[in-house]
PDB file of N, CA and C in Angstrom:
ATOM      1  N   MET A   1      21.478  31.720  30.199  1.00  0.00           N
ATOM      2  CA  MET A   1      22.355  30.769  29.869  1.00  0.00           C
ATOM      3  C   MET A   1      22.902  29.488  30.752  1.00  0.00           C
ATOM      4  N   ASN A   2      22.453  28.415  30.359  1.00  0.00           N
ATOM      5  CA  ASN A   2      23.016  27.005  30.821  1.00  0.00           C
ATOM      6  C   ASN A   2      23.773  26.453  29.537  1.00  0.00           C
ATOM      7  N   GLU A   3      24.974  26.274  29.892  1.00  0.00           N
ATOM      8  CA  GLU A   3      25.432  26.014  28.236  1.00  0.00           C
ATOM      9  C   GLU A   3      25.737  24.209  28.624  1.00  0.00           C
ATOM     10  N   ASP A   4      25.151  23.867  29.708  1.00  0.00           N
ATOM     11  CA  ASP A   4      25.202  21.867  29.848  1.00  0.00           C
ATOM     12  C   ASP A   4      23.846  21.461  29.505  1.00  0.00           C
ATOM     13  N   LEU A   5      23.098  22.665  29.048  1.00  0.00           N
ATOM     14  CA  LEU A   5      21.677  22.269  28.731  1.00  0.00           C
ATOM     15  C   LEU A   5      21.858  21.929  26.817  1.00  0.00           C
ATOM     16  N   ARG A   6      20.970  21.110  26.290  1.00  0.00           N
ATOM     17  CA  ARG A   6      21.180  21.037  24.803  1.00  0.00           C
ATOM     18  C   ARG A   6      20.105  21.454  24.426  1.00  0.00           C
ATOM     19  N   PRO A   7      20.976  22.415  23.000  1.00  0.00           N
ATOM     20  CA  PRO A   7      19.375  23.112  22.385  1.00  0.00           C
ATOM     21  C   PRO A   7      18.237  21.819  21.986  1.00  0.00           C
ATOM     22  N   VAL A   8      18.127  22.579  21.691  1.00  0.00           N
ATOM     23  CA  VAL A   8      16.221  21.537  21.188  1.00  0.00           C
ATOM     24  C   VAL A   8      16.478  21.102  19.100  1.00  0.00           C
ATOM     25  N   VAL A   9      16.712  22.182  18.668  1.00  0.00           N
ATOM     26  CA  VAL A   9      17.280  21.707  17.570  1.00  0.00           C
ATOM     27  C   VAL A   9      18.171  20.802  17.398  1.00  0.00           C
ATOM     28  N   GLU A  10      18.891  20.179  18.067  1.00  0.00           N
ATOM     29  CA  GLU A  10      19.874  19.178  18.174  1.00  0.00           C
ATOM     30  C   GLU A  10      18.903  17.847  18.702  1.00  0.00           C
ATOM     31  N   LEU A  11      17.925  18.024  18.793  1.00  0.00           N
ATOM     32  CA  LEU A  11      17.511  16.775  18.926  1.00  0.00           C
ATOM     33  C   LEU A  11      17.367  15.584  17.411  1.00  0.00           C
ATOM     34  N   GLY A  12      17.699  14.478  17.600  1.00  0.00           N
ATOM     35  CA  GLY A  12      16.865  13.744  16.592  1.00  0.00           C
ATOM     36  C   GLY A  12      15.393  13.557  16.125  1.00  0.00           C
ATOM     37  N   VAL A  13      14.817  13.248  15.350  1.00  0.00           N
ATOM     38  CA  VAL A  13      13.487  12.684  14.973  1.00  0.00           C
ATOM     39  C   VAL A  13      12.943  11.772  16.326  1.00  0.00           C
ATOM     40  N   ALA A  14      13.291  10.419  16.119  1.00  0.00           N
ATOM     41  CA  ALA A  14      13.254   9.350  17.355  1.00  0.00           C
ATOM     42  C   ALA A  14      13.310   9.944  18.485  1.00  0.00           C
ATOM     43  N   GLU A  15      14.362  10.397  18.858  1.00  0.00           N
ATOM     44  CA  GLU A  15      14.464  11.573  20.142  1.00  0.00           C
ATOM     45  C   GLU A  15      13.527  12.622  20.735  1.00  0.00           C
ATOM     46  N   ALA A  16      13.299  13.076  19.858  1.00  0.00           N
ATOM     47  CA  ALA A  16      12.164  14.351  19.868  1.00  0.00           C
ATOM     48  C   ALA A  16      10.891  13.535  19.910  1.00  0.00           C
ATOM     49  N   TYR A  17      10.658  12.403  19.594  1.00  0.00           N
ATOM     50  CA  TYR A  17       9.508  11.794  19.344  1.00  0.00           C
ATOM     51  C   TYR A  17       9.135  10.835  20.636  1.00  0.00           C
ATOM     52  N   ALA A  18       9.978  10.582  21.119  1.00  0.00           N
ATOM     53  CA  ALA A  18      10.252   9.456  22.155  1.00  0.00           C
ATOM     54  C   ALA A  18       9.475  10.406  23.134  1.00  0.00           C
ATOM     55  N   ILE A  19      10.353  11.789  23.668  1.00  0.00           N
ATOM     56  CA  ILE A  19      10.570  13.286  24.464  1.00  0.00           C
ATOM     57  C   ILE A  19       8.844  13.396  24.600  1.00  0.00           C
ATOM     58  N   LEU A  20       8.708  13.526  23.700  1.00  0.00           N
ATOM     59  CA  LEU A  20       7.603  14.322  23.711  1.00  0.00           C
ATOM     60  C   LEU A  20       5.926  13.392  23.506  1.00  0.00           C
ATOM     61  N   SER A  21       6.096  11.884  23.100  1.00  0.00           N
ATOM     62  CA  SER A  21       5.012  11.250  23.358  1.00  0.00           C
ATOM     63  C   SER A  21       5.334  10.611  24.761  1.00  0.00           C
ATOM     64  N   ALA A  22       6.183  10.814  25.890  1.00  0.00           N
ATOM     65  CA  ALA A  22       6.142  10.400  26.673  1.00  0.00           C
ATOM     66  C   ALA A  22       5.327  11.486  27.601  1.00  0.00           C
ATOM     67  N   ARG A  23       4.193  12.600  26.966  1.00  0.00           N
ATOM     68  CA  ARG A  23       4.477  13.807  27.623  1.00  0.00           C
ATOM     69  C   ARG A  23       2.232  13.246  27.339  1.00  0.00           C
ATOM     70  N   PRO A  24       1.577  14.283  28.026  1.00  0.00           N
ATOM     71  CA  PRO A  24       0.160  13.906  28.439  1.00  0.00           C
ATOM     72  C   PRO A  24      -0.683  14.683  27.091  1.00  0.00           C
ATOM     73  N   GLU A  25       0.483  15.566  26.545  1.00  0.00           N
ATOM     74  CA  GLU A  25      -0.042  16.175  24.851  1.00  0.00           C
ATOM     75  C   GLU A  25       0.759  15.628  24.230  1.00  0.00           C
ATOM     76  N   GLY A  26       1.098  14.483  24.179  1.00  0.00           N
ATOM     77  CA  GLY A  26       1.947  13.377  22.790  1.00  0.00           C
ATOM     78  C   GLY A  26       0.647  12.492  22.395  1.00  0.00           C
ATOM     79  N   GLU A  27      -0.303  12.528  22.854  1.00  0.00           N
ATOM     80  CA  GLU A  27      -1.558  11.242  22.255  1.00  0.00           C
ATOM     81  C   GLU A  27      -1.866  11.805  21.119  1.00  0.00           C
ATOM     82  N   GLY A  28      -1.793  12.892  20.357  1.00  0.00           N
ATOM     83  CA  GLY A  28      -2.071  13.466  19.289  1.00  0.00           C
ATOM     84  C   GLY A  28      -1.270  13.231  18.284  1.00  0.00           C
ATOM     85  N   LEU A  29       0.203  12.575  18.493  1.00  0.00           N
ATOM     86  CA  LEU A  29       1.102  12.920  17.485  1.00  0.00           C
ATOM     87  C   LEU A  29       1.106  11.815  16.476  1.00  0.00           C
ATOM     88  N   PRO A  30       1.352  11.892  14.813  1.00  0.00           N
ATOM     89  CA  PRO A  30       1.602  11.305  14.395  1.00  0.00           C
ATOM     90  C   PRO A  30       1.802   9.777  14.448  1.00  0.00           C
ATOM     91  N   PRO A  31       2.146   8.723  13.889  1.00  0.00           N
ATOM     92  CA  PRO A  31       2.819   7.835  14.267  1.00  0.00           C
ATOM     93  C   PRO A  31       4.743   7.928  13.914  1.00  0.00           C
ATOM     94  N   LEU A  32       5.602   7.412  14.390  1.00  0.00           N
ATOM     95  CA  LEU A  32       6.324   7.590  13.845  1.00  0.00           C
ATOM     96  C   LEU A  32       7.382   7.310  12.914  1.00  0.00           C
ATOM     97  N   ASP A  33       6.633   6.011  12.368  1.00  0.00           N
ATOM     98  CA  ASP A  33       6.987   5.804  11.118  1.00  0.00           C
ATOM     99  C   ASP A  33       6.528   6.919  10.044  1.00  0.00           C
ATOM    100  N   ALA A  34       5.677   7.446  10.090  1.00  0.00           N
ATOM    101  CA  ALA A  34       5.185   8.824   9.317  1.00  0.00           C
ATOM    102  C   ALA A  34       5.565   9.883   8.651  1.00  0.00           C
ATOM    103  N   ILE A  35       6.708  10.447  10.029  1.00  0.00           N
ATOM    104  CA  ILE A  35       6.697  11.661   9.935  1.00  0.00           C
ATOM    105  C   ILE A  35       8.459  11.512   9.860  1.00  0.00           C
ATOM    106  N   GLU A  36       9.043  10.217  10.195  1.00  0.00           N
ATOM    107  CA  GLU A  36      10.314  10.021  10.692  1.00  0.00           C
ATOM    108  C   GLU A  36      11.437  10.861   9.200  1.00  0.00           C
ATOM    109  N   ASN A  37      10.900  10.145   8.275  1.00  0.00           N
ATOM    110  CA  ASN A  37      11.796  10.521   7.255  1.00  0.00           C
ATOM    111  C   ASN A  37      11.134  12.216   6.550  1.00  0.00           C
ATOM    112  N   GLU A  38      10.661  12.586   7.163  1.00  0.00           N
ATOM    113  CA  GLU A  38       9.326  13.825   5.973  1.00  0.00           C
ATOM    114  C   GLU A  38      10.378  14.960   6.942  1.00  0.00           C
ATOM    115  N   ASP A  39      10.834  16.153   5.930  1.00  0.00           N
ATOM    116  CA  ASP A  39      11.296  17.381   6.608  1.00  0.00           C
ATOM    117  C   ASP A  39       9.626  18.290   7.502  1.00  0.00           C
ATOM    118  N   TRP A  40       8.800  18.108   7.186  1.00  0.00           N
ATOM    119  CA  TRP A  40       7.838  18.775   7.741  1.00  0.00           C
ATOM    120  C   TRP A  40       7.204  17.910   9.040  1.00  0.00           C
ATOM    121  N   GLY A  41       7.766  16.490   9.494  1.00  0.00           N
ATOM    122  CA  GLY A  41       7.934  15.577  10.902  1.00  0.00           C
ATOM    123  C   GLY A  41       8.283  16.097  12.126  1.00  0.00           C
ATOM    124  N   ARG A  42       9.469  16.768  11.156  1.00  0.00           N
ATOM    125  CA  ARG A  42      11.051  17.526  12.385  1.00  0.00           C
ATOM    126  C   ARG A  42      10.175  18.129  12.756  1.00  0.00           C
ATOM    127  N   ASP A  43       9.457  19.291  11.564  1.00  0.00           N
ATOM    128  CA  ASP A  43       9.364  20.530  12.177  1.00  0.00           C
ATOM    129  C   ASP A  43       8.384  20.454  12.943  1.00  0.00           C
ATOM    130  N   LEU A  44       7.891  19.368  12.734  1.00  0.00           N
ATOM    131  CA  LEU A  44       5.649  19.585  13.311  1.00  0.00           C
ATOM    132  C   LEU A  44       6.230  19.001  14.865  1.00  0.00           C
ATOM    133  N   LEU A  45       7.438  18.163  15.436  1.00  0.00           N
ATOM    134  CA  LEU A  45       7.904  17.524  16.652  1.00  0.00           C
ATOM    135  C   LEU A  45       8.535  18.849  17.387  1.00  0.00           C
ATOM    136  N   LEU A  46       9.652  19.217  16.710  1.00  0.00           N
ATOM    137  CA  LEU A  46       9.999  20.555  17.034  1.00  0.00           C
ATOM    138  C   LEU A  46       9.130  21.789  17.180  1.00  0.00           C
ATOM    139  N   SER A  47       7.901  22.199  16.979  1.00  0.00           N
ATOM    140  CA  SER A  47       7.200  22.773  16.757  1.00  0.00           C
ATOM    141  C   SER A  47       6.650  22.913  18.268  1.00  0.00           C
ATOM    142  N   ARG A  48       6.567  21.304  18.873  1.00  0.00           N
ATOM    143  CA  ARG A  48       5.499  21.114  20.114  1.00  0.00           C
ATOM    144  C   ARG A  48       6.613  21.075  21.090  1.00  0.00           C
ATOM    145  N   PHE A  49       7.674  21.044  20.469  1.00  0.00           N
ATOM    146  CA  PHE A  49       8.274  21.680  21.885  1.00  0.00           C
ATOM    147  C   PHE A  49       7.894  23.037  22.473  1.00  0.00           C
ATOM    148  N   GLU A  50       7.306  24.155  21.519  1.00  0.00           N
ATOM    149  CA  GLU A  50       7.090  25.726  21.986  1.00  0.00           C
ATOM    150  C   GLU A  50       5.816  25.437  22.866  1.00  0.00           C
ATOM    151  N   ALA A  51       5.511  24.547  23.085  1.00  0.00           N
ATOM    152  CA  ALA A  51       4.055  24.324  24.289  1.00  0.00           C
ATOM    153  C   ALA A  51       5.442  23.996  26.077  1.00  0.00           C
ATOM    154  N   VAL A  52       6.502  23.482  25.370  1.00  0.00           N
ATOM    155  CA  VAL A  52       6.707  23.020  26.887  1.00  0.00           C
ATOM    156  C   VAL A  52       7.382  23.958  27.702  1.00  0.00           C
ATOM    157  N   PRO A  53       7.006  24.288  28.568  1.00  0.00           N
ATOM    158  CA  PRO A  53       8.105  25.771  29.535  1.00  0.00           C
ATOM    159  C   PRO A  53       9.302  25.311  30.089  1.00  0.00           C
ATOM    160  N   ALA A  54       9.938  26.770  29.731  1.00  0.00           N
ATOM    161  CA  ALA A  54      11.571  26.528  30.130  1.00  0.00           C
ATOM    162  C   ALA A  54      12.080  25.678  31.410  1.00  0.00           C
ATOM    163  N   ASP A  55      11.311  25.405  32.067  1.00  0.00           N
ATOM    164  CA  ASP A  55      11.884  25.002  33.694  1.00  0.00           C
ATOM    165  C   ASP A  55      11.499  23.180  32.777  1.00  0.00           C
ATOM    166  N   GLU A  56      10.827  23.051  32.305  1.00  0.00           N
ATOM    167  CA  GLU A  56      10.489  21.564  31.924  1.00  0.00           C
ATOM    168  C   GLU A  56      11.301  20.727  31.340  1.00  0.00           C
ATOM    169  N   LEU A  57      11.923  21.965  30.019  1.00  0.00           N
ATOM    170  CA  LEU A  57      12.758  21.760  29.669  1.00  0.00           C
ATOM    171  C   LEU A  57      14.464  21.137  30.088  1.00  0.00           C
ATOM    172  N   ALA A  58      14.507  22.321  30.808  1.00  0.00           N
ATOM    173  CA  ALA A  58      15.673  22.401  31.200  1.00  0.00           C
ATOM    174  C   ALA A  58      15.971  20.799  32.463  1.00  0.00           C
ATOM    175  N   ALA A  59      14.932  20.677  32.892  1.00  0.00           N
ATOM    176  CA  ALA A  59      14.743  18.800  33.824  1.00  0.00           C
ATOM    177  C   ALA A  59      15.043  18.078  32.782  1.00  0.00           C
ATOM    178  N   LEU A  60      14.625  18.412  31.021  1.00  0.00           N
ATOM    179  CA  LEU A  60      14.482  17.453  30.010  1.00  0.00           C
ATOM    180  C   LEU A  60      16.142  17.475  29.358  1.00  0.00           C
ATOM    181  N   GLY A  61      17.131  18.246  30.132  1.00  0.00           N
ATOM    182  CA  GLY A  61      18.074  18.515  29.709  1.00  0.00           C
ATOM    183  C   GLY A  61      18.585  19.252  28.290  1.00  0.00           C
ATOM    184  N   LEU A  62      17.287  20.288  28.120  1.00  0.00           N
ATOM    185  CA  LEU A  62      17.298  20.684  27.435  1.00  0.00           C
ATOM    186  C   LEU A  62      17.304  22.251  27.034  1.00  0.00           C
ATOM    187  N   ARG A  63      17.696  23.376  26.101  1.00  0.00           N
ATOM    188  CA  ARG A  63      17.313  24.791  25.812  1.00  0.00           C
ATOM    189  C   ARG A  63      16.706  24.696  24.165  1.00  0.00           C
ATOM    190  N   TRP A  64      16.476  25.893  24.441  1.00  0.00           N
ATOM    191  CA  TRP A  64      15.618  26.448  23.049  1.00  0.00           C
ATOM    192  C   TRP A  64      16.796  27.223  22.321  1.00  0.00           C
ATOM    193  N   GLU A  65      17.629  28.160  23.254  1.00  0.00           N
ATOM    194  CA  GLU A  65      18.660  28.594  22.354  1.00  0.00           C
ATOM    195  C   GLU A  65      19.790  27.976  22.005  1.00  0.00           C
ATOM    196  N   ASP A  66      20.488  28.354  21.021  1.00  0.00           N
ATOM    197  CA  ASP A  66      21.925  27.721  20.053  1.00  0.00           C
ATOM    198  C   ASP A  66      22.766  28.409  19.732  1.00  0.00           C
ATOM    199  N   ASP A  67      23.796  28.437  19.960  1.00  0.00           N
ATOM    200  CA  ASP A  67      24.781  28.457  19.814  1.00  0.00           C
ATOM    201  C   ASP A  67      24.682  30.589  20.264  1.00  0.00           C
ATOM    202  N   GLY A  68      24.775  30.478  21.414  1.00  0.00           N
ATOM    203  CA  GLY A  68      24.497  31.624  22.548  1.00  0.00           C
ATOM    204  C   GLY A  68      23.848  32.402  21.974  1.00  0.00           C
ATOM    205  N   GLU A  69      22.684  32.207  21.538  1.00  0.00           N
ATOM    206  CA  GLU A  69      21.654  32.990  21.117  1.00  0.00           C
ATOM    207  C   GLU A  69      20.488  32.686  21.095  1.00  0.00           C
ATOM    208  N   GLU A  70      19.409  33.644  21.837  1.00  0.00           N
ATOM    209  CA  GLU A  70      17.951  32.935  21.741  1.00  0.00           C
ATOM    210  C   GLU A  70      17.635  32.942  21.031  1.00  0.00           C
ATOM    211  N   GLN A  71      16.711  31.785  20.324  1.00  0.00           N
ATOM    212  CA  GLN A  71      15.854  31.722  18.933  1.00  0.00           C
ATOM    213  C   GLN A  71      14.454  32.250  19.585  1.00  0.00           C
ATOM    214  N   PRO A  72      13.673  32.739  18.644  1.00  0.00           N
ATOM    215  CA  PRO A  72      12.511  33.011  18.915  1.00  0.00           C
ATOM    216  C   PRO A  72      11.294  31.762  18.578  1.00  0.00           C
ATOM    217  N   ARG A  73      10.685  31.601  19.523  1.00  0.00           N
ATOM    218  CA  ARG A  73       9.691  30.225  19.954  1.00  0.00           C
ATOM    219  C   ARG A  73       8.702  30.712  18.875  1.00  0.00           C
ATOM    220  N   SER A  74       8.853  30.301  17.505  1.00  0.00           N
ATOM    221  CA  SER A  74       8.002  30.193  16.479  1.00  0.00           C
ATOM    222  C   SER A  74       8.438  29.213  15.674  1.00  0.00           C
ATOM    223  N   SER A  75       7.471  28.236  15.032  1.00  0.00           N
ATOM    224  CA  SER A  75       7.629  26.946  14.458  1.00  0.00           C
ATOM    225  C   SER A  75       8.741  27.607  13.204  1.00  0.00           C
ATOM    226  N   SER A  76       8.408  28.722  12.643  1.00  0.00           N
ATOM    227  CA  SER A  76       8.899  29.215  11.395  1.00  0.00           C
ATOM    228  C   SER A  76      10.262  29.569  11.614  1.00  0.00           C
ATOM    229  N   SER A  77      10.880  29.933  12.874  1.00  0.00           N
ATOM    230  CA  SER A  77      12.296  29.428  13.410  1.00  0.00           C
ATOM    231  C   SER A  77      13.634  28.707  13.496  1.00  0.00           C
ATOM    232  N   VAL A  78      12.670  27.915  13.392  1.00  0.00           N
ATOM    233  CA  VAL A  78      13.380  26.491  14.032  1.00  0.00           C
ATOM    234  C   VAL A  78      14.441  25.898  12.512  1.00  0.00           C
ATOM    235  N   ALA A  79      15.433  25.948  13.294  1.00  0.00           N
ATOM    236  CA  ALA A  79      16.838  25.952  12.324  1.00  0.00           C
ATOM    237  C   ALA A  79      16.600  23.510  12.192  1.00  0.00           C
ATOM    238  N   ARG A  80      16.794  23.904  10.489  1.00  0.00           N
ATOM    239  CA  ARG A  80      17.265  22.156   9.884  1.00  0.00           C
ATOM    240  C   ARG A  80      18.613  21.868  10.199  1.00  0.00           C
TER     241      ARG A  80
END
């Protein structure tokens, strides 16, 4: 595991939205103002990172692991 990479769960809503909306798959995202203050909105965004391959996450300076433990890649395990 690369400790220099930031865990996806540390992203704020606006930051996660900016990353995902720049991807081709980001076209289907709801408007940021509709989700930024909603718990389900953050969960939605973080769950979208599940489709991003690990090498692409690394290129963005991100990783799935947090606190030295790998997290399962399912939306039900995304920490808040």
